Amino acid sequence: MIKEEKISGDRVCLRQLKEADATPAYCGWLNDSEINQYLETRQSTIDDLKKYIRKQLADPNSFFVGIFDKENDKHIGNIKLEPIDWENKKAIFGILLGDKAYWGRGIGSEATELIIDYAFNSLGLAEIELGVIAENLRAIRSYEKVGFKKTGVKEKAVNHNGV
């Protein structure tokens, strides 16, 4: 579903993931409790990741790409719009900056700005929404920084940490 081979920013580029991107490092992010504490997914294997990548690539209502460091082409995270509601021109946004060495450097904000621009100007979407757990203050600050606005609160909307 990607029209361009890469979506490039100053420090990162976004590109479609391939099964070869299902590496031990990627798997390690999802198995790290500090990284996965706000995710619905917990433990993963490389085979799980390959299946997930294949599923995302086959889904016409998903725009799922990796975040790569432009200097060294290192896979440092993922970002997606899923599901995309083409009829109503809206999608749900999600991001995982898995490589901790890139935390706190504005990388997630840059990747988010890239995908928002692509969503509005290339995919023709009119609205992007997201859900975030209230305790994930780092993510909330990042989302606000790039222009997301809080429009409501859903109580007990997600099973998080077994509750």
N, C-alpha and C. Protein backbone atom coordinates (compact mmCIF):
# COMPACT_ATOMS: atom_id res chain seq x y z
N MET A 1 0.80 -1.19 0.00
CA MET A 1 0.00 0.00 0.00
C MET A 1 0.86 1.27 0.00
N ILE A 2 2.15 1.17 0.24
CA ILE A 2 3.01 2.34 0.23
C ILE A 2 3.23 2.80 -1.20
N LYS A 3 3.02 4.07 -1.45
CA LYS A 3 3.20 4.60 -2.79
C LYS A 3 4.66 4.97 -3.04
N GLU A 4 5.36 5.44 -2.02
CA GLU A 4 6.77 5.75 -2.15
C GLU A 4 7.57 4.63 -1.52
N GLU A 5 8.77 4.44 -2.02
CA GLU A 5 9.63 3.40 -1.44
C GLU A 5 9.98 3.76 0.00
N LYS A 6 10.31 5.03 0.23
CA LYS A 6 10.64 5.49 1.57
C LYS A 6 10.00 6.85 1.80
N ILE A 7 9.65 7.09 3.05
CA ILE A 7 9.18 8.41 3.47
C ILE A 7 10.30 8.96 4.34
N SER A 8 10.98 10.00 3.88
CA SER A 8 12.20 10.46 4.56
C SER A 8 12.00 11.76 5.31
N GLY A 9 12.61 11.80 6.49
CA GLY A 9 12.67 13.00 7.30
C GLY A 9 14.12 13.40 7.46
N ASP A 10 14.40 14.25 8.45
CA ASP A 10 15.78 14.69 8.68
C ASP A 10 16.65 13.58 9.24
N ARG A 11 16.11 12.84 10.20
CA ARG A 11 16.91 11.81 10.88
C ARG A 11 16.42 10.39 10.67
N VAL A 12 15.17 10.24 10.28
CA VAL A 12 14.60 8.90 10.10
C VAL A 12 13.93 8.77 8.74
N CYS A 13 13.75 7.53 8.34
CA CYS A 13 12.90 7.26 7.18
C CYS A 13 11.96 6.13 7.57
N LEU A 14 10.82 6.14 6.93
CA LEU A 14 9.81 5.11 7.14
C LEU A 14 9.77 4.27 5.88
N ARG A 15 9.81 2.96 6.07
CA ARG A 15 9.67 2.07 4.91
C ARG A 15 8.94 0.81 5.31
N GLN A 16 8.35 0.19 4.30
CA GLN A 16 7.61 -1.04 4.53
C GLN A 16 8.53 -2.10 5.13
N LEU A 17 8.02 -2.80 6.13
CA LEU A 17 8.79 -3.88 6.74
C LEU A 17 8.73 -5.12 5.87
N LYS A 18 9.79 -5.91 5.96
CA LYS A 18 9.86 -7.21 5.28
C LYS A 18 10.07 -8.27 6.37
N GLU A 19 9.83 -9.51 6.02
CA GLU A 19 10.05 -10.58 6.99
C GLU A 19 11.48 -10.56 7.52
N ALA A 20 12.43 -10.15 6.69
CA ALA A 20 13.84 -10.09 7.11
C ALA A 20 14.05 -9.08 8.25
N ASP A 21 13.10 -8.17 8.44
CA ASP A 21 13.20 -7.20 9.54
C ASP A 21 12.79 -7.79 10.89
N ALA A 22 12.29 -9.02 10.88
CA ALA A 22 11.92 -9.71 12.13
C ALA A 22 13.20 -10.28 12.74
N THR A 23 13.95 -9.42 13.39
CA THR A 23 15.27 -9.77 13.92
C THR A 23 15.21 -10.02 15.43
N PRO A 24 16.28 -10.58 15.99
CA PRO A 24 16.33 -10.72 17.44
C PRO A 24 16.20 -9.38 18.17
N ALA A 25 16.75 -8.31 17.60
CA ALA A 25 16.63 -6.99 18.25
C ALA A 25 15.17 -6.55 18.32
N TYR A 26 14.45 -6.68 17.22
CA TYR A 26 13.02 -6.33 17.16
C TYR A 26 12.24 -7.18 18.15
N CYS A 27 12.52 -8.46 18.17
CA CYS A 27 11.85 -9.37 19.11
C CYS A 27 12.16 -8.96 20.55
N GLY A 28 13.39 -8.54 20.77
CA GLY A 28 13.81 -8.11 22.10
C GLY A 28 13.01 -6.92 22.61
N TRP A 29 12.66 -5.99 21.72
CA TRP A 29 11.85 -4.84 22.16
C TRP A 29 10.54 -5.33 22.75
N LEU A 30 9.89 -6.23 22.04
CA LEU A 30 8.56 -6.69 22.46
C LEU A 30 8.60 -7.56 23.71
N ASN A 31 9.78 -8.08 24.02
CA ASN A 31 9.93 -8.91 25.20
C ASN A 31 10.55 -8.15 26.37
N ASP A 32 10.77 -6.86 26.20
CA ASP A 32 11.34 -6.00 27.24
C ASP A 32 10.18 -5.33 27.99
N SER A 33 10.08 -5.58 29.28
CA SER A 33 8.93 -5.08 30.05
C SER A 33 8.87 -3.55 30.09
N GLU A 34 10.00 -2.87 30.00
CA GLU A 34 9.97 -1.40 29.98
C GLU A 34 9.37 -0.88 28.67
N ILE A 35 9.66 -1.58 27.59
CA ILE A 35 9.15 -1.17 26.28
C ILE A 35 7.71 -1.60 26.08
N ASN A 36 7.37 -2.81 26.49
CA ASN A 36 6.03 -3.33 26.19
C ASN A 36 4.98 -3.01 27.26
N GLN A 37 5.35 -2.25 28.29
CA GLN A 37 4.42 -2.00 29.39
C GLN A 37 3.12 -1.33 28.95
N TYR A 38 3.13 -0.61 27.85
CA TYR A 38 1.91 0.05 27.39
C TYR A 38 1.32 -0.60 26.14
N LEU A 39 1.84 -1.75 25.77
CA LEU A 39 1.35 -2.48 24.60
C LEU A 39 0.38 -3.57 25.01
N GLU A 40 -0.47 -3.95 24.10
CA GLU A 40 -1.36 -5.09 24.34
C GLU A 40 -0.60 -6.39 24.16
N THR A 41 0.43 -6.38 23.32
CA THR A 41 1.25 -7.56 23.05
C THR A 41 2.29 -7.70 24.15
N ARG A 42 2.58 -8.90 24.52
CA ARG A 42 3.64 -9.14 25.50
C ARG A 42 4.77 -9.94 24.85
N GLN A 43 4.94 -11.17 25.18
CA GLN A 43 6.06 -11.97 24.68
C GLN A 43 5.85 -12.35 23.22
N SER A 44 6.92 -12.25 22.42
CA SER A 44 6.87 -12.59 21.00
C SER A 44 8.10 -13.38 20.61
N THR A 45 7.95 -14.15 19.54
CA THR A 45 9.07 -14.86 18.93
C THR A 45 9.30 -14.27 17.54
N ILE A 46 10.42 -14.62 16.94
CA ILE A 46 10.69 -14.15 15.58
C ILE A 46 9.62 -14.66 14.63
N ASP A 47 9.19 -15.90 14.80
CA ASP A 47 8.11 -16.42 13.95
C ASP A 47 6.82 -15.62 14.13
N ASP A 48 6.51 -15.23 15.37
CA ASP A 48 5.34 -14.38 15.62
C ASP A 48 5.45 -13.07 14.84
N LEU A 49 6.65 -12.48 14.85
CA LEU A 49 6.85 -11.21 14.15
C LEU A 49 6.70 -11.37 12.65
N LYS A 50 7.24 -12.44 12.11
CA LYS A 50 7.11 -12.68 10.66
C LYS A 50 5.64 -12.82 10.27
N LYS A 51 4.88 -13.55 11.07
CA LYS A 51 3.44 -13.69 10.79
C LYS A 51 2.74 -12.34 10.88
N TYR A 52 3.10 -11.56 11.87
CA TYR A 52 2.49 -10.24 12.05
C TYR A 52 2.80 -9.33 10.86
N ILE A 53 4.05 -9.33 10.42
CA ILE A 53 4.44 -8.51 9.27
C ILE A 53 3.66 -8.95 8.03
N ARG A 54 3.58 -10.25 7.79
CA ARG A 54 2.81 -10.76 6.63
C ARG A 54 1.35 -10.32 6.71
N LYS A 55 0.77 -10.43 7.91
CA LYS A 55 -0.64 -10.04 8.10
C LYS A 55 -0.83 -8.56 7.80
N GLN A 56 0.06 -7.72 8.30
CA GLN A 56 -0.06 -6.29 8.08
C GLN A 56 0.09 -5.94 6.60
N LEU A 57 1.03 -6.59 5.93
CA LEU A 57 1.26 -6.32 4.50
C LEU A 57 0.05 -6.71 3.65
N ALA A 58 -0.65 -7.75 4.06
CA ALA A 58 -1.80 -8.25 3.30
C ALA A 58 -3.08 -7.47 3.58
N ASP A 59 -3.10 -6.68 4.62
CA ASP A 59 -4.31 -5.99 5.04
C ASP A 59 -4.45 -4.64 4.32
N PRO A 60 -5.46 -4.47 3.47
CA PRO A 60 -5.63 -3.20 2.76
C PRO A 60 -6.05 -2.04 3.67
N ASN A 61 -6.41 -2.36 4.90
CA ASN A 61 -6.82 -1.33 5.86
C ASN A 61 -5.74 -1.06 6.90
N SER A 62 -4.50 -1.40 6.54
CA SER A 62 -3.37 -1.17 7.44
C SER A 62 -2.23 -0.52 6.67
N PHE A 63 -1.65 0.50 7.26
CA PHE A 63 -0.44 1.13 6.74
C PHE A 63 0.60 0.97 7.85
N PHE A 64 1.49 -0.01 7.69
CA PHE A 64 2.42 -0.41 8.74
C PHE A 64 3.84 -0.33 8.19
N VAL A 65 4.67 0.51 8.81
CA VAL A 65 6.04 0.71 8.33
C VAL A 65 7.01 0.68 9.50
N GLY A 66 8.26 0.43 9.17
CA GLY A 66 9.32 0.50 10.16
C GLY A 66 9.89 1.91 10.19
N ILE A 67 10.44 2.26 11.35
CA ILE A 67 11.17 3.52 11.51
C ILE A 67 12.65 3.16 11.47
N PHE A 68 13.40 3.80 10.58
CA PHE A 68 14.81 3.49 10.39
C PHE A 68 15.66 4.74 10.54
N ASP A 69 16.80 4.60 11.22
CA ASP A 69 17.78 5.68 11.35
C ASP A 69 18.37 5.93 9.96
N LYS A 70 18.31 7.16 9.48
CA LYS A 70 18.81 7.47 8.13
C LYS A 70 20.32 7.29 8.01
N GLU A 71 21.05 7.50 9.10
CA GLU A 71 22.51 7.41 9.04
C GLU A 71 23.00 5.98 8.82
N ASN A 72 22.34 5.02 9.47
CA ASN A 72 22.86 3.64 9.43
C ASN A 72 21.82 2.60 9.01
N ASP A 73 20.64 3.02 8.63
CA ASP A 73 19.53 2.15 8.21
C ASP A 73 19.14 1.14 9.29
N LYS A 74 19.37 1.50 10.55
CA LYS A 74 19.02 0.63 11.67
C LYS A 74 17.52 0.73 11.95
N HIS A 75 16.88 -0.42 12.08
CA HIS A 75 15.45 -0.49 12.42
C HIS A 75 15.32 -0.15 13.90
N ILE A 76 14.61 0.94 14.21
CA ILE A 76 14.52 1.40 15.59
C ILE A 76 13.09 1.43 16.13
N GLY A 77 12.12 1.16 15.27
CA GLY A 77 10.74 1.16 15.74
C GLY A 77 9.77 0.91 14.60
N ASN A 78 8.50 0.99 14.93
CA ASN A 78 7.42 0.80 13.95
C ASN A 78 6.36 1.87 14.17
N ILE A 79 5.63 2.13 13.11
CA ILE A 79 4.55 3.10 13.19
C ILE A 79 3.45 2.63 12.24
N LYS A 80 2.19 2.85 12.64
CA LYS A 80 1.12 2.35 11.79
C LYS A 80 -0.14 3.18 11.89
N LEU A 81 -0.94 3.03 10.84
CA LEU A 81 -2.31 3.53 10.79
C LEU A 81 -3.15 2.28 10.60
N GLU A 82 -3.94 1.93 11.61
CA GLU A 82 -4.73 0.69 11.53
C GLU A 82 -5.78 0.66 12.64
N PRO A 83 -7.00 0.37 12.29
CA PRO A 83 -7.50 0.17 10.93
C PRO A 83 -7.73 1.52 10.25
N ILE A 84 -7.62 1.49 8.93
CA ILE A 84 -7.96 2.65 8.13
C ILE A 84 -9.41 2.47 7.67
N ASP A 85 -10.22 3.46 7.95
CA ASP A 85 -11.61 3.49 7.50
C ASP A 85 -11.63 4.39 6.26
N TRP A 86 -11.50 3.77 5.09
CA TRP A 86 -11.39 4.52 3.84
C TRP A 86 -12.66 5.31 3.54
N GLU A 87 -13.80 4.77 3.88
CA GLU A 87 -15.07 5.44 3.59
C GLU A 87 -15.18 6.76 4.35
N ASN A 88 -14.80 6.74 5.63
CA ASN A 88 -14.89 7.94 6.46
C ASN A 88 -13.58 8.70 6.55
N LYS A 89 -12.56 8.23 5.84
CA LYS A 89 -11.26 8.90 5.73
C LYS A 89 -10.60 9.14 7.09
N LYS A 90 -10.59 8.08 7.91
CA LYS A 90 -9.93 8.21 9.20
C LYS A 90 -9.20 6.92 9.55
N ALA A 91 -8.28 7.03 10.49
CA ALA A 91 -7.48 5.88 10.90
C ALA A 91 -7.06 6.04 12.35
N ILE A 92 -6.65 4.92 12.92
CA ILE A 92 -6.10 4.92 14.28
C ILE A 92 -4.59 4.78 14.16
N PHE A 93 -3.89 5.62 14.89
CA PHE A 93 -2.43 5.72 14.86
C PHE A 93 -1.81 4.93 16.01
N GLY A 94 -0.66 4.34 15.74
CA GLY A 94 0.12 3.68 16.78
C GLY A 94 1.60 3.76 16.46
N ILE A 95 2.43 3.83 17.49
CA ILE A 95 3.87 3.90 17.31
C ILE A 95 4.56 3.11 18.41
N LEU A 96 5.67 2.50 18.04
CA LEU A 96 6.56 1.82 18.99
C LEU A 96 7.97 2.24 18.65
N LEU A 97 8.61 2.99 19.53
CA LEU A 97 10.03 3.30 19.38
C LEU A 97 10.76 2.30 20.26
N GLY A 98 11.21 1.21 19.65
CA GLY A 98 11.72 0.08 20.40
C GLY A 98 13.14 0.20 20.88
N ASP A 99 13.98 0.90 20.14
CA ASP A 99 15.40 1.01 20.51
C ASP A 99 15.55 2.14 21.52
N LYS A 100 15.85 1.78 22.76
CA LYS A 100 15.91 2.77 23.85
C LYS A 100 16.96 3.84 23.64
N ALA A 101 17.99 3.55 22.84
CA ALA A 101 19.03 4.54 22.58
C ALA A 101 18.46 5.76 21.85
N TYR A 102 17.28 5.62 21.27
CA TYR A 102 16.66 6.71 20.51
C TYR A 102 15.57 7.43 21.30
N TRP A 103 15.30 7.00 22.52
CA TRP A 103 14.28 7.64 23.34
C TRP A 103 14.74 9.04 23.75
N GLY A 104 13.79 9.95 23.89
CA GLY A 104 14.08 11.29 24.40
C GLY A 104 14.82 12.19 23.43
N ARG A 105 14.87 11.82 22.15
CA ARG A 105 15.62 12.61 21.17
C ARG A 105 14.72 13.22 20.09
N GLY A 106 13.41 13.10 20.26
CA GLY A 106 12.49 13.65 19.28
C GLY A 106 12.28 12.79 18.06
N ILE A 107 12.82 11.58 18.09
CA ILE A 107 12.71 10.66 16.95
C ILE A 107 11.25 10.23 16.74
N GLY A 108 10.57 9.90 17.82
CA GLY A 108 9.17 9.50 17.71
C GLY A 108 8.31 10.63 17.16
N SER A 109 8.60 11.85 17.59
CA SER A 109 7.84 13.00 17.08
C SER A 109 8.09 13.20 15.59
N GLU A 110 9.34 13.05 15.17
CA GLU A 110 9.65 13.19 13.74
C GLU A 110 8.92 12.13 12.92
N ALA A 111 8.98 10.88 13.37
CA ALA A 111 8.30 9.79 12.65
C ALA A 111 6.79 10.03 12.61
N THR A 112 6.24 10.52 13.72
CA THR A 112 4.80 10.80 13.78
C THR A 112 4.42 11.90 12.80
N GLU A 113 5.22 12.96 12.75
CA GLU A 113 4.94 14.04 11.80
C GLU A 113 5.00 13.53 10.36
N LEU A 114 5.95 12.65 10.07
CA LEU A 114 6.06 12.09 8.71
C LEU A 114 4.81 11.30 8.33
N ILE A 115 4.36 10.44 9.24
CA ILE A 115 3.20 9.60 8.90
C ILE A 115 1.91 10.42 8.85
N ILE A 116 1.80 11.44 9.69
CA ILE A 116 0.62 12.32 9.64
C ILE A 116 0.57 13.05 8.30
N ASP A 117 1.70 13.60 7.89
CA ASP A 117 1.75 14.29 6.60
C ASP A 117 1.39 13.33 5.46
N TYR A 118 1.93 12.13 5.51
CA TYR A 118 1.65 11.13 4.48
C TYR A 118 0.17 10.74 4.50
N ALA A 119 -0.38 10.56 5.68
CA ALA A 119 -1.79 10.17 5.81
C ALA A 119 -2.72 11.22 5.19
N PHE A 120 -2.47 12.48 5.49
CA PHE A 120 -3.34 13.54 4.99
C PHE A 120 -3.09 13.85 3.51
N ASN A 121 -1.83 13.92 3.12
CA ASN A 121 -1.49 14.40 1.78
C ASN A 121 -1.33 13.32 0.72
N SER A 122 -1.06 12.09 1.11
CA SER A 122 -0.90 11.02 0.12
C SER A 122 -2.03 9.99 0.19
N LEU A 123 -2.48 9.67 1.40
CA LEU A 123 -3.55 8.68 1.53
C LEU A 123 -4.94 9.32 1.49
N GLY A 124 -5.01 10.63 1.64
CA GLY A 124 -6.29 11.32 1.57
C GLY A 124 -7.14 11.20 2.82
N LEU A 125 -6.51 10.90 3.95
CA LEU A 125 -7.27 10.80 5.19
C LEU A 125 -7.59 12.20 5.72
N ALA A 126 -8.65 12.30 6.50
CA ALA A 126 -9.08 13.57 7.07
C ALA A 126 -8.96 13.61 8.59
N GLU A 127 -8.82 12.43 9.21
CA GLU A 127 -8.78 12.37 10.67
C GLU A 127 -7.89 11.20 11.12
N ILE A 128 -7.09 11.47 12.13
CA ILE A 128 -6.26 10.43 12.74
C ILE A 128 -6.53 10.49 14.24
N GLU A 129 -6.82 9.34 14.81
CA GLU A 129 -7.04 9.28 16.26
C GLU A 129 -6.09 8.25 16.86
N LEU A 130 -5.97 8.33 18.16
CA LEU A 130 -5.14 7.36 18.87
C LEU A 130 -5.68 7.15 20.25
N GLY A 131 -5.25 6.07 20.85
CA GLY A 131 -5.56 5.81 22.24
C GLY A 131 -4.24 5.70 22.99
N VAL A 132 -4.22 6.22 24.18
CA VAL A 132 -3.01 6.15 24.99
C VAL A 132 -3.42 5.97 26.45
N ILE A 133 -2.68 5.14 27.14
CA ILE A 133 -2.94 4.91 28.56
C ILE A 133 -2.49 6.14 29.34
N ALA A 134 -3.31 6.59 30.26
CA ALA A 134 -3.08 7.84 30.98
C ALA A 134 -1.72 7.91 31.66
N GLU A 135 -1.18 6.78 32.08
CA GLU A 135 0.11 6.76 32.76
C GLU A 135 1.29 6.93 31.81
N ASN A 136 1.06 6.83 30.51
CA ASN A 136 2.14 6.92 29.53
C ASN A 136 2.41 8.39 29.20
N LEU A 137 2.96 9.09 30.17
CA LEU A 137 3.14 10.54 30.06
C LEU A 137 4.11 10.93 28.95
N ARG A 138 5.15 10.14 28.73
CA ARG A 138 6.11 10.43 27.66
C ARG A 138 5.39 10.45 26.31
N ALA A 139 4.56 9.47 26.07
CA ALA A 139 3.82 9.40 24.80
C ALA A 139 2.85 10.57 24.68
N ILE A 140 2.15 10.87 25.76
CA ILE A 140 1.17 11.97 25.72
C ILE A 140 1.86 13.28 25.36
N ARG A 141 3.02 13.55 25.97
CA ARG A 141 3.77 14.77 25.65
C ARG A 141 4.17 14.79 24.17
N SER A 142 4.63 13.65 23.68
CA SER A 142 5.03 13.55 22.27
C SER A 142 3.85 13.80 21.34
N TYR A 143 2.70 13.21 21.65
CA TYR A 143 1.52 13.39 20.81
C TYR A 143 1.06 14.85 20.81
N GLU A 144 1.07 15.47 21.98
CA GLU A 144 0.68 16.88 22.06
C GLU A 144 1.65 17.76 21.29
N LYS A 145 2.93 17.42 21.34
CA LYS A 145 3.97 18.18 20.65
C LYS A 145 3.72 18.25 19.14
N VAL A 146 3.19 17.18 18.57
CA VAL A 146 2.96 17.16 17.12
C VAL A 146 1.53 17.56 16.74
N GLY A 147 0.72 17.95 17.72
CA GLY A 147 -0.58 18.52 17.41
C GLY A 147 -1.81 17.71 17.77
N PHE A 148 -1.64 16.52 18.33
CA PHE A 148 -2.83 15.77 18.76
C PHE A 148 -3.48 16.50 19.93
N LYS A 149 -4.81 16.46 19.96
CA LYS A 149 -5.59 17.08 21.03
C LYS A 149 -6.41 16.03 21.74
N LYS A 150 -6.51 16.16 23.05
CA LYS A 150 -7.34 15.26 23.84
C LYS A 150 -8.80 15.61 23.61
N THR A 151 -9.57 14.61 23.17
CA THR A 151 -10.99 14.86 22.89
C THR A 151 -11.91 14.07 23.80
N GLY A 152 -11.35 13.17 24.59
CA GLY A 152 -12.19 12.40 25.49
C GLY A 152 -11.38 11.37 26.24
N VAL A 153 -12.02 10.78 27.24
CA VAL A 153 -11.40 9.74 28.05
C VAL A 153 -12.34 8.55 28.11
N LYS A 154 -11.80 7.38 27.82
CA LYS A 154 -12.58 6.14 27.94
C LYS A 154 -12.11 5.43 29.20
N GLU A 155 -13.00 5.28 30.13
CA GLU A 155 -12.68 4.56 31.35
C GLU A 155 -12.69 3.06 31.08
N LYS A 156 -11.67 2.36 31.56
CA LYS A 156 -11.58 0.90 31.45
C LYS A 156 -11.74 0.42 30.01
N ALA A 157 -11.11 1.12 29.08
CA ALA A 157 -11.26 0.79 27.66
C ALA A 157 -10.33 -0.34 27.22
N VAL A 158 -9.23 -0.55 27.94
CA VAL A 158 -8.22 -1.51 27.52
C VAL A 158 -7.81 -2.39 28.68
N ASN A 159 -7.57 -3.65 28.40
CA ASN A 159 -7.01 -4.54 29.41
C ASN A 159 -5.52 -4.24 29.47
N HIS A 160 -5.09 -3.59 30.53
CA HIS A 160 -3.69 -3.18 30.68
C HIS A 160 -3.14 -3.76 31.98
N ASN A 161 -2.04 -4.47 31.87
CA ASN A 161 -1.39 -5.10 33.02
C ASN A 161 -2.36 -5.96 33.82
N GLY A 162 -3.22 -6.66 33.11
CA GLY A 162 -4.11 -7.61 33.76
C GLY A 162 -5.32 -7.02 34.44
N VAL A 163 -5.57 -5.71 34.25
CA VAL A 163 -6.74 -5.08 34.88
C VAL A 163 -7.70 -4.55 33.84
